[in-house]
Protein backbone atom coordinates (compact mmCIF):
# COMPACT_ATOMS: atom_id res chain seq x y z
CA MET A 1 43.70 31.98 25.05
CA SER A 2 41.55 28.95 25.74
CA GLU A 3 41.28 26.07 23.30
CA GLN A 4 38.01 25.34 21.58
CA ALA A 5 36.64 21.81 21.42
CA ALA A 6 36.65 20.14 18.03
CA PRO A 7 33.35 20.06 16.13
CA GLY A 8 31.07 17.54 17.75
CA ILE A 9 33.03 17.62 21.06
CA ARG A 10 31.91 19.48 24.18
CA SER A 11 34.31 20.03 27.07
CA GLY A 12 33.04 18.93 30.45
CA ALA A 13 34.53 20.37 33.64
CA VAL A 14 36.01 17.77 35.97
CA PRO A 15 36.40 19.02 39.57
CA GLY A 16 40.07 19.38 40.38
CA GLY A 17 41.20 18.08 37.02
CA VAL A 18 41.58 18.76 33.31
CA PRO A 19 38.35 19.23 31.33
CA ASP A 20 37.26 15.94 29.82
CA PRO A 21 35.82 16.01 26.29
CA VAL A 22 32.27 14.74 25.93
CA PRO A 23 31.73 13.01 22.56
CA LEU A 24 28.84 14.33 20.54
CA GLY A 25 27.57 13.76 17.02
CA ALA A 26 28.82 15.64 14.00
CA PRO A 27 27.00 18.89 13.18
CA VAL A 28 24.15 18.53 10.68
CA GLU A 29 23.57 21.39 8.30
CA GLY A 30 20.22 22.46 6.93
CA GLY A 31 16.70 22.57 8.24
CA PRO A 32 13.94 19.99 8.27
CA ALA A 33 13.01 17.90 5.26
CA ARG A 34 9.80 18.52 3.37
CA ARG A 35 6.76 16.44 4.20
CA PRO A 36 5.80 14.25 1.22
CA ALA A 37 2.69 15.29 -0.69
CA PRO A 38 0.36 13.33 -3.01
CA VAL A 39 2.41 13.73 -6.19
CA THR A 40 2.97 11.55 -9.26
CA LEU A 41 6.38 9.90 -9.73
CA GLU A 42 6.75 8.79 -13.33
CA GLY A 43 9.01 6.04 -14.61
CA ARG A 44 9.45 4.05 -17.80
CA HIS A 45 7.57 0.98 -16.57
CA VAL A 46 5.43 2.25 -13.70
CA ALA A 47 4.19 5.44 -12.09
CA LEU A 48 3.54 6.08 -8.42
CA VAL A 49 0.29 8.03 -8.13
CA PRO A 50 -1.83 9.14 -5.17
CA PHE A 51 -4.13 6.24 -4.36
CA ASP A 52 -7.67 6.77 -5.60
CA ALA A 53 -10.04 3.99 -4.59
CA GLY A 54 -12.38 4.78 -7.47
CA ARG A 55 -9.60 4.36 -10.02
CA HIS A 56 -7.37 1.73 -8.41
CA ALA A 57 -9.30 -0.51 -6.03
CA ALA A 58 -11.02 -2.79 -8.56
CA SER A 59 -7.80 -3.67 -10.38
CA LEU A 60 -5.80 -4.12 -7.21
CA TYR A 61 -8.48 -6.26 -5.59
CA ALA A 62 -8.66 -8.57 -8.60
CA LEU A 63 -4.87 -8.97 -8.73
CA SER A 64 -4.45 -9.55 -4.99
CA HIS A 65 -7.35 -11.89 -4.20
CA GLY A 66 -8.20 -15.42 -5.17
CA PRO A 67 -6.64 -18.87 -4.96
CA GLU A 68 -2.95 -18.92 -4.04
CA LYS A 69 -2.83 -15.17 -3.31
CA GLU A 70 -3.46 -15.30 0.45
CA ALA A 71 0.30 -15.26 1.06
CA LEU A 72 0.45 -11.69 -0.26
CA TRP A 73 -1.26 -10.60 2.97
CA ALA A 74 0.72 -12.72 5.42
CA TYR A 75 2.94 -9.89 6.66
CA LEU A 76 0.62 -6.92 6.04
CA SER A 77 -1.52 -5.51 8.83
CA ALA A 78 -4.73 -6.39 6.95
CA ASP A 79 -6.04 -9.80 5.94
CA PRO A 80 -7.47 -10.66 2.51
CA PHE A 81 -10.82 -8.92 2.20
CA PRO A 82 -14.12 -10.81 1.92
CA ASP A 83 -15.20 -8.87 -1.14
CA GLU A 84 -14.32 -5.91 -3.36
CA ALA A 85 -16.66 -3.57 -1.50
CA ALA A 86 -14.85 -4.13 1.81
CA PHE A 87 -11.50 -3.73 0.07
CA THR A 88 -12.59 -0.46 -1.52
CA ARG A 89 -13.90 0.96 1.77
CA PHE A 90 -10.66 0.13 3.55
CA TYR A 91 -8.47 1.72 0.87
CA ALA A 92 -10.71 4.76 0.46
CA GLU A 93 -10.10 5.49 4.15
CA ALA A 94 -6.37 4.71 3.91
CA ALA A 95 -6.02 7.13 1.00
CA THR A 96 -7.14 10.05 3.18
CA LYS A 97 -4.16 9.76 5.56
CA ALA A 98 -1.00 11.86 5.38
CA ASP A 99 1.06 9.26 7.27
CA PRO A 100 1.14 6.60 5.94
CA LEU A 101 0.88 8.37 2.58
CA LEU A 102 -0.47 5.80 0.14
CA PHE A 103 0.54 5.49 -3.53
CA ALA A 104 -0.78 3.13 -6.16
CA ILE A 105 1.84 1.52 -8.39
CA VAL A 106 0.38 1.78 -11.89
CA GLU A 107 1.64 0.07 -15.03
CA VAL A 108 2.43 2.70 -17.65
CA GLU A 109 1.45 0.46 -20.56
CA SER A 110 -1.88 -0.81 -19.25
CA GLY A 111 -2.85 1.88 -16.76
CA ARG A 112 -3.90 -0.71 -14.18
CA ALA A 113 -2.88 -0.63 -10.51
CA VAL A 114 -0.58 -3.57 -9.80
CA GLY A 115 0.60 -2.72 -6.30
CA HIS A 116 0.90 -0.08 -3.63
CA ALA A 117 3.46 1.43 -1.26
CA THR A 118 3.56 4.18 1.33
CA TYR A 119 5.82 6.73 2.90
CA MET A 120 5.34 6.27 6.64
CA ARG A 121 6.73 7.19 10.07
CA ILE A 122 7.58 10.54 8.52
CA GLU A 123 9.84 12.74 10.68
CA PRO A 124 10.79 15.91 8.77
CA ALA A 125 12.62 17.45 11.75
CA HIS A 126 15.03 14.49 11.90
CA ARG A 127 14.91 13.99 8.12
CA VAL A 128 13.91 10.34 8.52
CA ILE A 129 11.27 8.57 6.43
CA GLU A 130 10.29 4.95 5.90
CA VAL A 131 8.99 3.08 2.88
CA GLY A 132 6.49 0.43 3.88
CA ASN A 133 3.04 -1.14 3.51
CA ILE A 134 4.31 -2.54 0.23
CA LEU A 135 2.05 -4.80 -1.81
CA HIS A 136 3.42 -6.23 -5.06
CA THR A 137 0.83 -8.38 -6.80
CA PRO A 138 1.96 -11.27 -9.01
CA ALA A 139 1.55 -8.94 -12.01
CA LEU A 140 4.30 -6.71 -10.56
CA GLN A 141 6.58 -9.18 -8.82
CA ARG A 142 9.97 -9.88 -10.44
CA THR A 143 9.45 -7.21 -13.11
CA PRO A 144 11.56 -4.13 -13.85
CA GLY A 145 8.59 -2.08 -12.68
CA ALA A 146 8.86 -3.47 -9.15
CA THR A 147 12.45 -2.26 -8.85
CA GLU A 148 11.66 1.01 -10.62
CA ALA A 149 8.90 1.79 -8.12
CA MET A 150 11.34 1.52 -5.22
CA TYR A 151 13.90 3.62 -7.11
CA LEU A 152 11.36 6.37 -7.78
CA MET A 153 10.32 6.56 -4.13
CA ALA A 154 13.91 6.62 -2.84
CA ARG A 155 14.96 9.27 -5.34
CA HIS A 156 12.03 11.48 -4.41
CA ALA A 157 12.77 11.12 -0.67
CA PHE A 158 16.45 12.02 -0.99
CA GLU A 159 16.56 14.46 -3.88
CA ASP A 160 13.23 16.28 -3.78
CA LEU A 161 12.29 16.14 -0.11
CA GLY A 162 15.71 16.29 1.53
CA TYR A 163 15.67 13.26 3.82
CA ARG A 164 18.94 11.87 5.14
CA ARG A 165 17.74 8.46 6.33
CA TYR A 166 15.42 6.17 4.36
CA GLU A 167 14.20 3.16 6.32
CA TRP A 168 12.90 -0.29 5.51
CA LYS A 169 11.44 -2.44 8.28
CA CYS A 170 9.85 -5.86 8.07
CA ASN A 171 8.87 -8.90 10.07
CA ALA A 172 12.09 -10.77 10.78
CA LEU A 173 10.43 -13.94 9.46
CA ASN A 174 9.66 -12.28 6.10
CA ALA A 175 12.57 -13.68 4.11
CA PRO A 176 11.47 -12.21 0.73
CA SER A 177 11.27 -8.69 2.20
CA ARG A 178 14.68 -9.05 3.82
CA ARG A 179 16.20 -10.22 0.54
CA ALA A 180 14.54 -7.31 -1.26
CA ALA A 181 15.95 -4.78 1.20
CA GLU A 182 19.47 -6.07 0.72
CA ARG A 183 19.10 -6.28 -3.05
CA LEU A 184 17.91 -2.67 -3.19
CA GLY A 185 20.92 -1.43 -1.23
CA PHE A 186 19.59 -1.06 2.31
CA ALA A 187 22.00 -1.94 5.12
CA TYR A 188 20.86 -4.27 7.90
CA GLU A 189 21.01 -2.52 11.26
CA GLY A 190 19.63 -5.02 13.73
CA LEU A 191 16.67 -6.86 15.22
CA PHE A 192 14.05 -5.27 17.45
CA ARG A 193 12.71 -8.18 19.51
CA GLN A 194 9.01 -8.29 20.44
CA HIS A 195 8.61 -5.01 18.62
CA MET A 196 4.95 -5.36 17.62
CA ILE A 197 1.84 -7.51 17.88
CA ILE A 198 0.29 -8.00 14.43
CA LYS A 199 -2.93 -10.01 14.01
CA GLY A 200 -2.42 -11.34 17.54
CA LEU A 201 1.07 -12.67 16.73
CA ASN A 202 4.49 -11.59 17.92
CA ARG A 203 6.60 -9.64 15.45
CA ASP A 204 10.35 -9.26 15.77
CA THR A 205 11.30 -6.47 13.38
CA ALA A 206 14.38 -6.39 11.14
CA TRP A 207 15.60 -2.82 10.56
CA TYR A 208 17.34 -1.63 7.41
CA ALA A 209 18.30 1.84 6.20
CA LEU A 210 19.81 3.70 3.27
CA LEU A 211 21.54 7.00 4.09
CA ASP A 212 21.89 10.15 2.03
CA HIS A 213 25.63 9.74 1.49
CA GLU A 214 25.00 6.18 0.27
CA TRP A 215 22.32 7.26 -2.18
CA PRO A 216 24.58 8.36 -5.10
CA LYS A 217 26.04 4.86 -5.41
CA ALA A 218 22.66 3.20 -4.96
CA LYS A 219 21.14 5.55 -7.54
CA ALA A 220 23.86 4.81 -10.10
CA ALA A 221 23.27 1.07 -9.65
CA PHE A 222 19.49 1.46 -9.99
CA GLU A 223 19.85 3.45 -13.19
CA ALA A 224 22.38 1.07 -14.71
CA TRP A 225 20.14 -1.90 -13.88
CA LEU A 226 17.01 -0.21 -15.26
CA ASP A 227 18.76 0.76 -18.50
CA PRO A 228 17.15 -1.14 -21.41
CA ALA A 229 20.64 -2.28 -22.40
CA ASN A 230 20.69 -4.44 -19.25
CA PHE A 231 17.91 -6.67 -20.62
CA ASP A 232 17.95 -9.15 -23.48
CA ALA A 233 15.27 -9.62 -26.13
CA GLU A 234 13.23 -11.80 -23.73
CA GLY A 235 13.41 -9.18 -20.98
CA ARG A 236 15.93 -11.08 -18.86
CA GLN A 237 18.49 -9.07 -16.90
CA THR A 238 22.09 -9.18 -18.02
CA GLN A 239 23.52 -8.07 -14.67
CA ARG A 240 22.01 -8.30 -11.20
CA LEU A 241 21.39 -5.07 -9.30
CA GLU A 242 23.59 -6.11 -6.38
CA ASP A 243 26.45 -7.04 -8.74
CA ILE A 244 26.26 -3.66 -10.45
CA ARG A 245 26.34 -1.86 -7.11
CA ALA A 246 29.27 -3.95 -5.85
CA ALA A 247 31.27 -3.09 -8.96
CA LEU A 248 30.84 0.66 -8.59
């Protein structure tokens, strides 16, 4: 009776010798992930909603343009827009695409759009999806809503859509984005040199990812950090997200 190779190992015949095992990856159960659809993801502070230029463009333009806001666009593919009409036309077109799939980040209390994010480079067959094209205006930056938005998108990707790899990529020179990735629980995987040309400039890309088996711990940390008990009367955090995750 012949022996069977262990899971993930294929025997390869070697002329005149003993079969040599060929290392392969572990078997992956299940079929493809679901492709994300324009749905609403509701949180306590913010909601992710399908981008609607008629509803969201005016607010987002006002919050992302003006003196001292040019830096918001430094690492995005677009530049600041000359006027609201050009901004609205651009985002009306972007909102029609399935990949990247564009969401407005809307404050629950005020109803105004304070940012946007997309699911992109969507590969259901491999169960890989990326979060990107992220714009956090000053009204959203350093607020619980900014973290909640990223939590809602990750939870939806893993738990509702069935992805096993959730990616974050950014310009290697974008220090705030790299810090954000690490704070949110993404693991650094390496540098892709001369990966892209953006606005006529070289871009080396830093790659990060969060995997499905890492999600339960990341989720627990997100939820503990977002708990109202983690904030004092002035809205200041009691524990940092990365400290909570490290303690789990």
